[in-house]
Amino acid sequence: MIRDVGGSYRRAIVETVQHFSGWAPEPAAIDALKGEGRWNNDWQASMELLRRRGVAPLPAWAELVAVFSGYYFGGDPEGDTGLWRGFIGSEPLLVDGPFFAALGDLGIAWGFVSGAEPPSARFVLEQRLGLVAPPLIAMGQAPDKPEPTGLLALAARLAGVPLGAGAPPVAYLGDTVADVETVRRARARVPGQRFEALAVAPPHLHGPGREAERQRYEAQLRQAGADHLLGSTRQVLELFSAPSPPAP
């Protein structure tokens, strides 16, 4: 997790649902939906919230996507990023360029499997973080998570060898049950490969007075199979720099 999308993607869900129904879902409703592990795609999440609200007829898919993109990008997603006026402009970054340099110093190859549209992912990675041609699989370049094809393809690319018993371990960090489920399905697909599911609750649950909500969300991540729960993305550096436990 490299950016706080509480005021962008999640806000676009709220605005899109309200546009078509007049109802603005609370953050807890979106968290509950995400906790089901099926709604990583925010367009699909918006449509599902409308369906559960009893909206009939539901909007056409293309219309919903256009409305969502209008809120999120506020301009042509494939056009000049300087003309975007949407919520994407208000995403706080959770890491910086030196974070990835530090991963490299630890000998860790890194990349991104994102449910974001390619223009959104590239904008954050290349323009805001200054990463040069970062390894990326974004929306539309592989089936949506929790289907593990994108993770497996990127992991094999980074490892430089076929995945399996002889390949380096693969760790994947995410903030949804779908992210953890992606790792679980990857294990089933390549049982000889070592996978680690790292998870962190979204930033909006780390604020004052949100401890109980965060604990409930983290319990869902654990139940889904998270191997390590982190307090922030930056704690990855602490996790990977810690000495390995002795062999049994």
Foldseek 3Di string as FASTA:
>chain_A
DWKFCVQALVVLLQVLLCVQPVDGDDPVVLLVVLLVLPPQQSLVVSQVVNVVVVDPPGDDSVVSVVSSCCQRQVDDLPDDSVNTDHRLVPIGTQDALVLVVLCVVLVHQDAEEEADDVSSVCCCVCVVRPDDPGHYDYHPNDDDFPQQPVVLVSQCVRQVHHAFQPTDAEEDEDAGLRQLSSQVVVCVVHVRHHYAYEYEHRPVCPDPPNVVVRVVSVVSNVVSPHPYYDHGPSCVSVVSVDDDDDDD
